[in-house]
Amino acid sequence: MEKHRFVGKSKEDAILQAKIALQESSENLIIHEIGEQKGLFGKKVEIEVIEKREIKPYIRELLASLLKDLGFHAKIEMRSSSLTPVYTIYSDHDALLIGKNGKNLNALVTILNQMVKNEIGENYKFILDVSDYKERKEKNIENLAKRLAREVKESQVEVKMDSMNSYERRLVHNVLSNYKYVYTESVGEEPNRAVVIKPRQKSE
């Protein structure tokens, strides 16, 4: 992934030079001001520019290098049907990469997130999975939430789900957001925060 540098009379001037040289709009660029240079003819502003289209393949290369350093031989598939790219790892050691309750996978995500942030200077959203583990787990959580919602509707007794991370709780909230007969609330403190599914009163 290449980092480009441009110098202009102002930040706006430097950005304009970058847009012309790279033939890209500002929305497709990550721009960081490096600093100002003072000279005989006034100040100049220097910026560093990264083209966003280069980030997705860069993350794949970074992940491949990280896995190799950790001693894993793996295949990485990237799909980008939405704004958020999904990187799926396939290897002969999927269970080890995932870890108990996804602990190792979450640690790998944290490491990769920090490496990407260090390189591009800001957070970049992506999804990392191992042999569709997350996808299967998400479907299981959604199906469980729907089943419990039906039980709450019939019994009119609230149900507290097991503790989940913020992403998993958001899945439950989203999947039940349009249910007329129940509503959801998050309760407790991290890391034991959980979702409670409650019956909705007829007057609500």
N, C-alpha and C. Protein backbone atom coordinates (compact mmCIF):
# COMPACT_ATOMS: atom_id res chain seq x y z
N MET A 1 0.85 -1.19 0.00
CA MET A 1 0.00 0.00 0.00
C MET A 1 0.89 1.24 0.00
N GLU A 2 0.68 2.09 -0.98
CA GLU A 2 1.55 3.25 -1.15
C GLU A 2 0.99 4.47 -0.43
N LYS A 3 1.89 5.20 0.20
CA LYS A 3 1.53 6.48 0.82
C LYS A 3 2.10 7.60 -0.02
N HIS A 4 1.26 8.53 -0.40
CA HIS A 4 1.68 9.64 -1.26
C HIS A 4 1.79 10.91 -0.42
N ARG A 5 2.74 11.74 -0.78
CA ARG A 5 2.90 13.02 -0.08
C ARG A 5 2.77 14.17 -1.07
N PHE A 6 2.05 15.20 -0.61
CA PHE A 6 1.85 16.40 -1.43
C PHE A 6 2.05 17.63 -0.56
N VAL A 7 2.59 18.67 -1.18
CA VAL A 7 2.84 19.93 -0.49
C VAL A 7 2.11 21.05 -1.22
N GLY A 8 1.38 21.88 -0.46
CA GLY A 8 0.66 22.99 -1.06
C GLY A 8 0.72 24.24 -0.21
N LYS A 9 0.21 25.33 -0.75
CA LYS A 9 0.21 26.58 0.00
C LYS A 9 -0.73 26.50 1.21
N SER A 10 -1.70 25.61 1.12
CA SER A 10 -2.63 25.35 2.22
C SER A 10 -2.99 23.87 2.16
N LYS A 11 -3.71 23.41 3.17
CA LYS A 11 -4.13 22.01 3.16
C LYS A 11 -5.05 21.74 1.98
N GLU A 12 -5.93 22.71 1.72
CA GLU A 12 -6.87 22.57 0.60
C GLU A 12 -6.12 22.48 -0.73
N ASP A 13 -5.08 23.27 -0.87
CA ASP A 13 -4.28 23.24 -2.09
C ASP A 13 -3.57 21.89 -2.25
N ALA A 14 -3.03 21.37 -1.16
CA ALA A 14 -2.35 20.08 -1.20
C ALA A 14 -3.33 18.97 -1.55
N ILE A 15 -4.54 19.04 -0.99
CA ILE A 15 -5.57 18.03 -1.29
C ILE A 15 -5.96 18.09 -2.76
N LEU A 16 -6.07 19.30 -3.28
CA LEU A 16 -6.41 19.47 -4.70
C LEU A 16 -5.34 18.81 -5.58
N GLN A 17 -4.08 19.01 -5.22
CA GLN A 17 -2.99 18.37 -5.96
C GLN A 17 -3.10 16.85 -5.91
N ALA A 18 -3.46 16.34 -4.73
CA ALA A 18 -3.60 14.89 -4.56
C ALA A 18 -4.73 14.36 -5.43
N LYS A 19 -5.84 15.07 -5.46
CA LYS A 19 -7.01 14.63 -6.25
C LYS A 19 -6.68 14.61 -7.74
N ILE A 20 -5.92 15.60 -8.17
CA ILE A 20 -5.55 15.66 -9.59
C ILE A 20 -4.55 14.56 -9.93
N ALA A 21 -3.55 14.40 -9.10
CA ALA A 21 -2.49 13.42 -9.38
C ALA A 21 -3.00 11.98 -9.32
N LEU A 22 -3.88 11.72 -8.36
CA LEU A 22 -4.37 10.35 -8.17
C LEU A 22 -5.69 10.10 -8.91
N GLN A 23 -6.28 11.19 -9.44
CA GLN A 23 -7.55 11.11 -10.15
C GLN A 23 -8.63 10.44 -9.29
N GLU A 24 -8.72 10.93 -8.07
CA GLU A 24 -9.69 10.43 -7.11
C GLU A 24 -10.38 11.59 -6.41
N SER A 25 -11.62 11.36 -5.93
CA SER A 25 -12.31 12.37 -5.14
C SER A 25 -11.86 12.26 -3.69
N SER A 26 -12.14 13.28 -2.91
CA SER A 26 -11.73 13.30 -1.50
C SER A 26 -12.32 12.12 -0.73
N GLU A 27 -13.55 11.70 -1.10
CA GLU A 27 -14.22 10.60 -0.39
C GLU A 27 -13.46 9.29 -0.52
N ASN A 28 -12.64 9.17 -1.55
CA ASN A 28 -11.90 7.93 -1.79
C ASN A 28 -10.47 7.99 -1.29
N LEU A 29 -10.17 9.02 -0.50
CA LEU A 29 -8.81 9.20 0.00
C LEU A 29 -8.80 9.32 1.51
N ILE A 30 -7.77 8.80 2.14
CA ILE A 30 -7.51 9.05 3.56
C ILE A 30 -6.38 10.06 3.62
N ILE A 31 -6.66 11.20 4.24
CA ILE A 31 -5.73 12.33 4.21
C ILE A 31 -5.32 12.72 5.62
N HIS A 32 -4.01 12.81 5.84
CA HIS A 32 -3.48 13.26 7.12
C HIS A 32 -2.50 14.41 6.89
N GLU A 33 -2.69 15.47 7.64
CA GLU A 33 -1.75 16.59 7.56
C GLU A 33 -0.51 16.24 8.36
N ILE A 34 0.64 16.33 7.72
CA ILE A 34 1.90 15.99 8.37
C ILE A 34 2.46 17.18 9.14
N GLY A 35 2.39 18.35 8.53
CA GLY A 35 2.89 19.54 9.21
C GLY A 35 3.04 20.71 8.26
N GLU A 36 3.51 21.81 8.82
CA GLU A 36 3.71 23.04 8.03
C GLU A 36 5.19 23.32 7.89
N GLN A 37 5.54 23.85 6.73
CA GLN A 37 6.92 24.25 6.47
C GLN A 37 6.92 25.76 6.21
N LYS A 38 7.75 26.48 6.93
CA LYS A 38 7.84 27.93 6.75
C LYS A 38 9.06 28.28 5.92
N GLY A 39 8.84 29.08 4.89
CA GLY A 39 9.93 29.48 4.02
C GLY A 39 9.88 30.97 3.72
N LEU A 40 10.74 31.41 2.80
CA LEU A 40 10.79 32.84 2.45
C LEU A 40 9.51 33.32 1.81
N PHE A 41 8.79 32.40 1.17
CA PHE A 41 7.58 32.80 0.45
C PHE A 41 6.32 32.35 1.17
N GLY A 42 6.41 32.23 2.48
CA GLY A 42 5.25 31.85 3.26
C GLY A 42 5.27 30.38 3.64
N LYS A 43 4.21 29.97 4.28
CA LYS A 43 4.16 28.58 4.76
C LYS A 43 3.67 27.62 3.67
N LYS A 44 4.03 26.38 3.85
CA LYS A 44 3.54 25.31 2.99
C LYS A 44 3.05 24.16 3.88
N VAL A 45 2.02 23.49 3.42
CA VAL A 45 1.43 22.41 4.19
C VAL A 45 1.69 21.08 3.47
N GLU A 46 2.17 20.10 4.22
CA GLU A 46 2.43 18.79 3.65
C GLU A 46 1.40 17.78 4.16
N ILE A 47 0.86 16.98 3.25
CA ILE A 47 -0.12 15.96 3.62
C ILE A 47 0.34 14.58 3.15
N GLU A 48 -0.16 13.56 3.82
CA GLU A 48 0.08 12.17 3.42
C GLU A 48 -1.26 11.58 3.00
N VAL A 49 -1.28 10.90 1.88
CA VAL A 49 -2.53 10.43 1.29
C VAL A 49 -2.47 8.93 0.98
N ILE A 50 -3.54 8.23 1.35
CA ILE A 50 -3.69 6.81 1.02
C ILE A 50 -4.98 6.64 0.24
N GLU A 51 -4.92 5.88 -0.83
CA GLU A 51 -6.12 5.59 -1.61
C GLU A 51 -6.89 4.46 -0.93
N LYS A 52 -8.15 4.70 -0.65
CA LYS A 52 -8.95 3.71 0.08
C LYS A 52 -9.04 2.37 -0.64
N ARG A 53 -9.02 2.39 -1.96
CA ARG A 53 -9.15 1.14 -2.72
C ARG A 53 -7.97 0.19 -2.47
N GLU A 54 -6.87 0.72 -1.96
CA GLU A 54 -5.70 -0.11 -1.69
C GLU A 54 -5.74 -0.77 -0.31
N ILE A 55 -6.68 -0.33 0.53
CA ILE A 55 -6.68 -0.83 1.91
C ILE A 55 -7.15 -2.28 2.00
N LYS A 56 -8.20 -2.63 1.25
CA LYS A 56 -8.74 -4.00 1.33
C LYS A 56 -7.70 -5.06 0.96
N PRO A 57 -7.02 -4.95 -0.19
CA PRO A 57 -5.98 -5.95 -0.48
C PRO A 57 -4.81 -5.87 0.49
N TYR A 58 -4.52 -4.67 1.03
CA TYR A 58 -3.45 -4.53 2.00
C TYR A 58 -3.75 -5.33 3.27
N ILE A 59 -5.00 -5.27 3.74
CA ILE A 59 -5.38 -6.02 4.94
C ILE A 59 -5.22 -7.51 4.70
N ARG A 60 -5.58 -7.96 3.50
CA ARG A 60 -5.44 -9.39 3.18
C ARG A 60 -3.97 -9.80 3.23
N GLU A 61 -3.10 -8.98 2.67
CA GLU A 61 -1.67 -9.28 2.69
C GLU A 61 -1.13 -9.25 4.12
N LEU A 62 -1.60 -8.29 4.90
CA LEU A 62 -1.16 -8.17 6.29
C LEU A 62 -1.59 -9.39 7.10
N LEU A 63 -2.83 -9.83 6.87
CA LEU A 63 -3.35 -11.01 7.58
C LEU A 63 -2.56 -12.26 7.18
N ALA A 64 -2.27 -12.41 5.90
CA ALA A 64 -1.51 -13.57 5.43
C ALA A 64 -0.12 -13.60 6.07
N SER A 65 0.51 -12.44 6.16
CA SER A 65 1.84 -12.35 6.77
C SER A 65 1.77 -12.65 8.26
N LEU A 66 0.73 -12.17 8.93
CA LEU A 66 0.57 -12.40 10.37
C LEU A 66 0.36 -13.89 10.65
N LEU A 67 -0.49 -14.54 9.85
CA LEU A 67 -0.74 -15.97 10.04
C LEU A 67 0.53 -16.79 9.79
N LYS A 68 1.29 -16.40 8.78
CA LYS A 68 2.55 -17.10 8.48
C LYS A 68 3.52 -16.97 9.64
N ASP A 69 3.62 -15.76 10.20
CA ASP A 69 4.51 -15.55 11.34
C ASP A 69 4.08 -16.37 12.55
N LEU A 70 2.77 -16.63 12.66
CA LEU A 70 2.25 -17.42 13.78
C LEU A 70 2.35 -18.92 13.51
N GLY A 71 2.80 -19.27 12.30
CA GLY A 71 3.01 -20.68 11.98
C GLY A 71 1.83 -21.38 11.35
N PHE A 72 0.86 -20.61 10.83
CA PHE A 72 -0.33 -21.21 10.22
C PHE A 72 -0.23 -21.16 8.70
N HIS A 73 -0.55 -22.27 8.05
CA HIS A 73 -0.70 -22.29 6.60
C HIS A 73 -2.19 -22.18 6.32
N ALA A 74 -2.60 -21.08 5.72
CA ALA A 74 -4.03 -20.82 5.56
C ALA A 74 -4.36 -20.20 4.21
N LYS A 75 -5.59 -20.39 3.82
CA LYS A 75 -6.14 -19.75 2.63
C LYS A 75 -7.07 -18.63 3.11
N ILE A 76 -6.99 -17.48 2.47
CA ILE A 76 -7.82 -16.34 2.86
C ILE A 76 -8.71 -15.94 1.70
N GLU A 77 -10.01 -15.91 1.95
CA GLU A 77 -10.95 -15.43 0.95
C GLU A 77 -11.50 -14.09 1.39
N MET A 78 -11.59 -13.16 0.46
CA MET A 78 -12.13 -11.84 0.76
C MET A 78 -13.36 -11.61 -0.09
N ARG A 79 -14.42 -11.20 0.55
CA ARG A 79 -15.60 -10.78 -0.21
C ARG A 79 -16.01 -9.40 0.27
N SER A 80 -16.52 -8.64 -0.65
CA SER A 80 -16.80 -7.23 -0.36
C SER A 80 -18.10 -6.81 -1.01
N SER A 81 -19.17 -7.55 -0.70
CA SER A 81 -20.47 -7.23 -1.28
C SER A 81 -21.08 -5.99 -0.67
N SER A 82 -20.61 -5.62 0.53
CA SER A 82 -21.08 -4.41 1.20
C SER A 82 -19.89 -3.48 1.41
N LEU A 83 -20.11 -2.41 2.15
CA LEU A 83 -19.03 -1.47 2.42
C LEU A 83 -17.98 -2.09 3.34
N THR A 84 -18.38 -3.13 4.09
CA THR A 84 -17.47 -3.76 5.03
C THR A 84 -16.90 -5.05 4.44
N PRO A 85 -15.60 -5.11 4.19
CA PRO A 85 -15.01 -6.34 3.64
C PRO A 85 -14.99 -7.46 4.68
N VAL A 86 -15.17 -8.69 4.20
CA VAL A 86 -15.14 -9.86 5.07
C VAL A 86 -13.97 -10.75 4.65
N TYR A 87 -13.08 -11.06 5.60
CA TYR A 87 -11.94 -11.93 5.34
C TYR A 87 -12.17 -13.25 6.07
N THR A 88 -12.23 -14.34 5.32
CA THR A 88 -12.48 -15.65 5.92
C THR A 88 -11.23 -16.52 5.78
N ILE A 89 -10.78 -17.06 6.89
CA ILE A 89 -9.59 -17.90 6.93
C ILE A 89 -10.00 -19.37 6.87
N TYR A 90 -9.34 -20.14 6.02
CA TYR A 90 -9.54 -21.58 5.97
C TYR A 90 -8.19 -22.25 6.19
N SER A 91 -8.11 -23.15 7.16
CA SER A 91 -6.84 -23.82 7.45
C SER A 91 -7.10 -25.21 8.02
N ASP A 92 -6.02 -25.94 8.28
CA ASP A 92 -6.14 -27.25 8.92
C ASP A 92 -6.19 -27.13 10.44
N HIS A 93 -6.15 -25.90 10.93
CA HIS A 93 -6.14 -25.68 12.38
C HIS A 93 -7.21 -24.65 12.76
N ASP A 94 -8.40 -24.80 12.18
CA ASP A 94 -9.47 -23.83 12.44
C ASP A 94 -9.83 -23.75 13.92
N ALA A 95 -9.91 -24.90 14.58
CA ALA A 95 -10.29 -24.91 16.00
C ALA A 95 -9.31 -24.11 16.84
N LEU A 96 -8.02 -24.21 16.52
CA LEU A 96 -7.00 -23.47 17.26
C LEU A 96 -7.11 -21.98 16.97
N LEU A 97 -7.36 -21.62 15.72
CA LEU A 97 -7.51 -20.21 15.36
C LEU A 97 -8.74 -19.59 16.02
N ILE A 98 -9.79 -20.38 16.15
CA ILE A 98 -11.03 -19.87 16.76
C ILE A 98 -10.89 -19.78 18.27
N GLY A 99 -10.40 -20.86 18.89
CA GLY A 99 -10.27 -20.88 20.34
C GLY A 99 -11.61 -21.10 21.03
N LYS A 100 -11.57 -21.25 22.33
CA LYS A 100 -12.78 -21.47 23.11
C LYS A 100 -13.68 -20.23 23.06
N ASN A 101 -14.91 -20.42 22.60
CA ASN A 101 -15.89 -19.33 22.47
C ASN A 101 -15.35 -18.17 21.61
N GLY A 102 -14.46 -18.51 20.66
CA GLY A 102 -13.95 -17.48 19.75
C GLY A 102 -12.88 -16.59 20.33
N LYS A 103 -12.29 -17.01 21.47
CA LYS A 103 -11.31 -16.16 22.16
C LYS A 103 -10.09 -15.87 21.30
N ASN A 104 -9.55 -16.88 20.64
CA ASN A 104 -8.35 -16.66 19.81
C ASN A 104 -8.67 -15.82 18.59
N LEU A 105 -9.83 -16.05 18.00
CA LEU A 105 -10.25 -15.24 16.85
C LEU A 105 -10.40 -13.78 17.24
N ASN A 106 -11.01 -13.53 18.39
CA ASN A 106 -11.17 -12.15 18.86
C ASN A 106 -9.82 -11.48 19.10
N ALA A 107 -8.85 -12.26 19.63
CA ALA A 107 -7.51 -11.71 19.86
C ALA A 107 -6.85 -11.38 18.53
N LEU A 108 -7.05 -12.24 17.54
CA LEU A 108 -6.48 -11.99 16.21
C LEU A 108 -7.08 -10.73 15.58
N VAL A 109 -8.38 -10.55 15.78
CA VAL A 109 -9.05 -9.33 15.28
C VAL A 109 -8.46 -8.08 15.93
N THR A 110 -8.24 -8.15 17.24
CA THR A 110 -7.68 -7.01 17.98
C THR A 110 -6.30 -6.65 17.46
N ILE A 111 -5.47 -7.67 17.26
CA ILE A 111 -4.10 -7.44 16.76
C ILE A 111 -4.13 -6.83 15.36
N LEU A 112 -4.95 -7.41 14.48
CA LEU A 112 -5.01 -6.93 13.10
C LEU A 112 -5.59 -5.52 13.04
N ASN A 113 -6.59 -5.25 13.86
CA ASN A 113 -7.16 -3.90 13.91
C ASN A 113 -6.10 -2.86 14.27
N GLN A 114 -5.29 -3.18 15.26
CA GLN A 114 -4.27 -2.24 15.71
C GLN A 114 -3.19 -2.05 14.65
N MET A 115 -2.82 -3.13 13.96
CA MET A 115 -1.81 -3.04 12.90
C MET A 115 -2.30 -2.15 11.76
N VAL A 116 -3.57 -2.32 11.39
CA VAL A 116 -4.15 -1.51 10.31
C VAL A 116 -4.24 -0.04 10.74
N LYS A 117 -4.68 0.19 11.98
CA LYS A 117 -4.79 1.56 12.48
C LYS A 117 -3.43 2.24 12.51
N ASN A 118 -2.40 1.50 12.92
CA ASN A 118 -1.05 2.07 12.97
C ASN A 118 -0.57 2.48 11.58
N GLU A 119 -1.01 1.75 10.57
CA GLU A 119 -0.54 2.00 9.22
C GLU A 119 -1.30 3.13 8.53
N ILE A 120 -2.63 3.15 8.69
CA ILE A 120 -3.42 4.16 7.96
C ILE A 120 -3.83 5.35 8.83
N GLY A 121 -3.59 5.26 10.13
CA GLY A 121 -3.83 6.40 11.00
C GLY A 121 -5.25 6.56 11.50
N GLU A 122 -6.11 5.58 11.25
CA GLU A 122 -7.48 5.64 11.75
C GLU A 122 -8.08 4.24 11.73
N ASN A 123 -9.24 4.11 12.40
CA ASN A 123 -9.91 2.82 12.43
C ASN A 123 -10.50 2.49 11.06
N TYR A 124 -10.49 1.22 10.71
CA TYR A 124 -11.06 0.78 9.44
C TYR A 124 -11.89 -0.47 9.73
N LYS A 125 -13.16 -0.43 9.38
CA LYS A 125 -14.06 -1.52 9.72
C LYS A 125 -13.93 -2.69 8.75
N PHE A 126 -13.73 -3.87 9.30
CA PHE A 126 -13.72 -5.10 8.51
C PHE A 126 -14.15 -6.24 9.41
N ILE A 127 -14.50 -7.38 8.80
CA ILE A 127 -14.92 -8.56 9.55
C ILE A 127 -13.93 -9.68 9.27
N LEU A 128 -13.50 -10.35 10.34
CA LEU A 128 -12.57 -11.47 10.21
C LEU A 128 -13.27 -12.72 10.73
N ASP A 129 -13.23 -13.79 9.92
CA ASP A 129 -13.92 -15.03 10.28
C ASP A 129 -13.00 -16.22 10.00
N VAL A 130 -13.31 -17.35 10.61
CA VAL A 130 -12.59 -18.59 10.35
C VAL A 130 -13.60 -19.66 9.95
N SER A 131 -13.52 -20.11 8.70
CA SER A 131 -14.43 -21.15 8.18
C SER A 131 -15.89 -20.86 8.51
N ASP A 132 -16.28 -19.59 8.36
CA ASP A 132 -17.68 -19.16 8.56
C ASP A 132 -18.16 -19.39 9.99
N TYR A 133 -17.24 -19.45 10.96
CA TYR A 133 -17.61 -19.62 12.36
C TYR A 133 -18.54 -18.51 12.84
N LYS A 134 -18.17 -17.24 12.55
CA LYS A 134 -18.98 -16.12 13.01
C LYS A 134 -20.36 -16.12 12.36
N GLU A 135 -20.38 -16.45 11.07
CA GLU A 135 -21.66 -16.46 10.36
C GLU A 135 -22.61 -17.49 10.97
N ARG A 136 -22.08 -18.69 11.25
CA ARG A 136 -22.91 -19.72 11.87
C ARG A 136 -23.36 -19.31 13.27
N LYS A 137 -22.43 -18.69 14.02
CA LYS A 137 -22.76 -18.28 15.38
C LYS A 137 -23.82 -17.18 15.37
N GLU A 138 -23.72 -16.24 14.43
CA GLU A 138 -24.71 -15.18 14.32
C GLU A 138 -26.10 -15.75 14.04
N LYS A 139 -26.18 -16.71 13.14
CA LYS A 139 -27.46 -17.33 12.82
C LYS A 139 -28.03 -18.06 14.03
N ASN A 140 -27.16 -18.72 14.79
CA ASN A 140 -27.61 -19.42 15.99
C ASN A 140 -28.17 -18.44 17.02
N ILE A 141 -27.48 -17.30 17.20
CA ILE A 141 -27.94 -16.29 18.15
C ILE A 141 -29.28 -15.71 17.71
N GLU A 142 -29.41 -15.41 16.42
CA GLU A 142 -30.65 -14.84 15.90
C GLU A 142 -31.81 -15.82 16.04
N ASN A 143 -31.55 -17.09 15.74
CA ASN A 143 -32.61 -18.11 15.85
C ASN A 143 -33.03 -18.29 17.30
N LEU A 144 -32.04 -18.28 18.23
CA LEU A 144 -32.34 -18.41 19.65
C LEU A 144 -33.18 -17.22 20.13
N ALA A 145 -32.81 -16.01 19.69
CA ALA A 145 -33.55 -14.81 20.10
C ALA A 145 -35.00 -14.88 19.63
N LYS A 146 -35.22 -15.33 18.41
CA LYS A 146 -36.58 -15.45 17.88
C LYS A 146 -37.39 -16.49 18.66
N ARG A 147 -36.75 -17.61 18.99
CA ARG A 147 -37.46 -18.66 19.74
C ARG A 147 -37.82 -18.17 21.13
N LEU A 148 -36.89 -17.49 21.79
CA LEU A 148 -37.16 -16.97 23.13
C LEU A 148 -38.23 -15.88 23.09
N ALA A 149 -38.23 -15.09 22.02
CA ALA A 149 -39.24 -14.04 21.89
C ALA A 149 -40.64 -14.64 21.80
N ARG A 150 -40.76 -15.76 21.08
CA ARG A 150 -42.06 -16.42 20.99
C ARG A 150 -42.50 -16.95 22.35
N GLU A 151 -41.53 -17.49 23.12
CA GLU A 151 -41.83 -18.00 24.45
C GLU A 151 -42.28 -16.87 25.39
N VAL A 152 -41.60 -15.72 25.29
CA VAL A 152 -41.95 -14.57 26.13
C VAL A 152 -43.34 -14.06 25.77
N LYS A 153 -43.64 -14.02 24.50
CA LYS A 153 -44.96 -13.59 24.05
C LYS A 153 -46.05 -14.48 24.64
N GLU A 154 -45.82 -15.79 24.63
CA GLU A 154 -46.83 -16.73 25.10
C GLU A 154 -46.95 -16.76 26.62
N SER A 155 -45.80 -16.69 27.30
CA SER A 155 -45.81 -16.80 28.77
C SER A 155 -45.98 -15.46 29.48
N GLN A 156 -45.65 -14.37 28.77
CA GLN A 156 -45.66 -13.02 29.36
C GLN A 156 -44.67 -12.92 30.52
N VAL A 157 -43.62 -13.75 30.46
CA VAL A 157 -42.56 -13.72 31.47
C VAL A 157 -41.24 -13.39 30.77
N GLU A 158 -40.53 -12.38 31.29
CA GLU A 158 -39.27 -11.98 30.66
C GLU A 158 -38.22 -13.07 30.76
N VAL A 159 -37.28 -13.07 29.80
CA VAL A 159 -36.19 -14.05 29.77
C VAL A 159 -34.86 -13.32 29.64
N LYS A 160 -33.91 -13.70 30.49
CA LYS A 160 -32.57 -13.14 30.41
C LYS A 160 -31.66 -14.12 29.67
N MET A 161 -31.04 -13.66 28.60
CA MET A 161 -30.14 -14.50 27.82
C MET A 161 -28.77 -14.58 28.49
N ASP A 162 -27.93 -15.48 28.02
CA ASP A 162 -26.57 -15.58 28.55
C ASP A 162 -25.78 -14.31 28.22
N SER A 163 -24.70 -14.09 28.94
CA SER A 163 -23.85 -12.93 28.69
C SER A 163 -23.29 -12.98 27.28
N MET A 164 -23.25 -11.80 26.63
CA MET A 164 -22.74 -11.70 25.26
C MET A 164 -21.95 -10.41 25.12
N ASN A 165 -21.07 -10.37 24.10
CA ASN A 165 -20.34 -9.14 23.83
C ASN A 165 -21.26 -8.14 23.14
N SER A 166 -20.79 -6.93 22.94
CA SER A 166 -21.63 -5.86 22.42
C SER A 166 -22.16 -6.16 21.02
N TYR A 167 -21.32 -6.79 20.20
CA TYR A 167 -21.74 -7.12 18.84
C TYR A 167 -22.87 -8.14 18.85
N GLU A 168 -22.77 -9.17 19.69
CA GLU A 168 -23.80 -10.20 19.77
C GLU A 168 -25.09 -9.63 20.35
N ARG A 169 -24.97 -8.74 21.34
CA ARG A 169 -26.18 -8.12 21.90
C ARG A 169 -26.89 -7.28 20.85
N ARG A 170 -26.10 -6.59 20.04
CA ARG A 170 -26.70 -5.76 18.98
C ARG A 170 -27.45 -6.62 17.98
N LEU A 171 -26.95 -7.83 17.71
CA LEU A 171 -27.66 -8.76 16.82
C LEU A 171 -29.05 -9.07 17.36
N VAL A 172 -29.12 -9.34 18.68
CA VAL A 172 -30.40 -9.65 19.30
C VAL A 172 -31.34 -8.45 19.24
N HIS A 173 -30.82 -7.28 19.61
CA HIS A 173 -31.66 -6.07 19.56
C HIS A 173 -32.20 -5.83 18.15
N ASN A 174 -31.35 -6.01 17.16
CA ASN A 174 -31.76 -5.74 15.78
C ASN A 174 -32.79 -6.74 15.28
N VAL A 175 -32.58 -8.02 15.57
CA VAL A 175 -33.47 -9.05 15.04
C VAL A 175 -34.86 -8.97 15.69
N LEU A 176 -34.93 -8.43 16.91
CA LEU A 176 -36.21 -8.33 17.61
C LEU A 176 -36.80 -6.92 17.61
N SER A 177 -36.15 -6.01 16.91
CA SER A 177 -36.58 -4.60 16.96
C SER A 177 -37.98 -4.38 16.39
N ASN A 178 -38.41 -5.24 15.47
CA ASN A 178 -39.73 -5.06 14.85
C ASN A 178 -40.80 -6.00 15.41
N TYR A 179 -40.44 -6.71 16.47
CA TYR A 179 -41.43 -7.60 17.09
C TYR A 179 -42.41 -6.76 17.93
N LYS A 180 -43.70 -6.93 17.67
CA LYS A 180 -44.71 -6.10 18.33
C LYS A 180 -44.95 -6.50 19.78
N TYR A 181 -44.68 -7.74 20.12
CA TYR A 181 -45.10 -8.24 21.44
C TYR A 181 -43.98 -8.31 22.47
N VAL A 182 -42.75 -8.03 22.06
CA VAL A 182 -41.64 -8.04 23.00
C VAL A 182 -40.71 -6.87 22.72
N TYR A 183 -39.87 -6.54 23.70
CA TYR A 183 -38.80 -5.57 23.50
C TYR A 183 -37.58 -6.04 24.28
N THR A 184 -36.43 -5.46 23.98
CA THR A 184 -35.17 -5.93 24.58
C THR A 184 -34.46 -4.82 25.33
N GLU A 185 -33.74 -5.21 26.36
CA GLU A 185 -32.90 -4.29 27.12
C GLU A 185 -31.60 -5.00 27.47
N SER A 186 -30.49 -4.25 27.48
CA SER A 186 -29.21 -4.80 27.95
C SER A 186 -29.05 -4.46 29.42
N VAL A 187 -28.62 -5.45 30.20
CA VAL A 187 -28.47 -5.25 31.65
C VAL A 187 -27.11 -5.78 32.09
N GLY A 188 -26.66 -5.31 33.26
CA GLY A 188 -25.41 -5.81 33.83
C GLY A 188 -24.20 -5.01 33.39
N GLU A 189 -23.06 -5.42 33.87
CA GLU A 189 -21.80 -4.76 33.58
C GLU A 189 -20.90 -5.70 32.78
N GLU A 190 -20.06 -5.11 31.91
CA GLU A 190 -19.11 -5.92 31.15
C GLU A 190 -18.15 -6.63 32.11
N PRO A 191 -17.76 -7.86 31.85
CA PRO A 191 -18.04 -8.64 30.64
C PRO A 191 -19.27 -9.54 30.78
N ASN A 192 -20.11 -9.25 31.78
CA ASN A 192 -21.27 -10.09 32.04
C ASN A 192 -22.58 -9.43 31.62
N ARG A 193 -22.48 -8.49 30.69
CA ARG A 193 -23.67 -7.80 30.22
C ARG A 193 -24.50 -8.74 29.35
N ALA A 194 -25.83 -8.69 29.51
CA ALA A 194 -26.71 -9.63 28.81
C ALA A 194 -27.96 -8.91 28.32
N VAL A 195 -28.68 -9.57 27.44
CA VAL A 195 -29.94 -9.04 26.90
C VAL A 195 -31.12 -9.69 27.62
N VAL A 196 -32.08 -8.87 28.01
CA VAL A 196 -33.32 -9.36 28.59
C VAL A 196 -34.44 -9.12 27.57
N ILE A 197 -35.20 -10.17 27.27
CA ILE A 197 -36.35 -10.06 26.37
C ILE A 197 -37.59 -9.94 27.24
N LYS A 198 -38.33 -8.84 27.08
CA LYS A 198 -39.48 -8.57 27.95
C LYS A 198 -40.77 -8.50 27.15
N PRO A 199 -41.88 -8.91 27.76
CA PRO A 199 -43.17 -8.80 27.08
C PRO A 199 -43.58 -7.34 26.99
N ARG A 200 -44.11 -6.96 25.88
CA ARG A 200 -44.58 -5.58 25.68
C ARG A 200 -46.02 -5.48 26.13
N GLN A 201 -46.30 -4.50 26.97
CA GLN A 201 -47.66 -4.30 27.44
C GLN A 201 -48.54 -3.82 26.29
N LYS A 202 -49.78 -4.18 26.32
CA LYS A 202 -50.70 -3.83 25.24
C LYS A 202 -50.84 -2.32 25.05
N SER A 203 -50.65 -1.57 26.15
CA SER A 203 -50.79 -0.12 26.05
C SER A 203 -49.60 0.53 25.40
N GLU A 204 -48.47 -0.22 25.26
CA GLU A 204 -47.25 0.35 24.69
C GLU A 204 -47.34 0.39 23.18
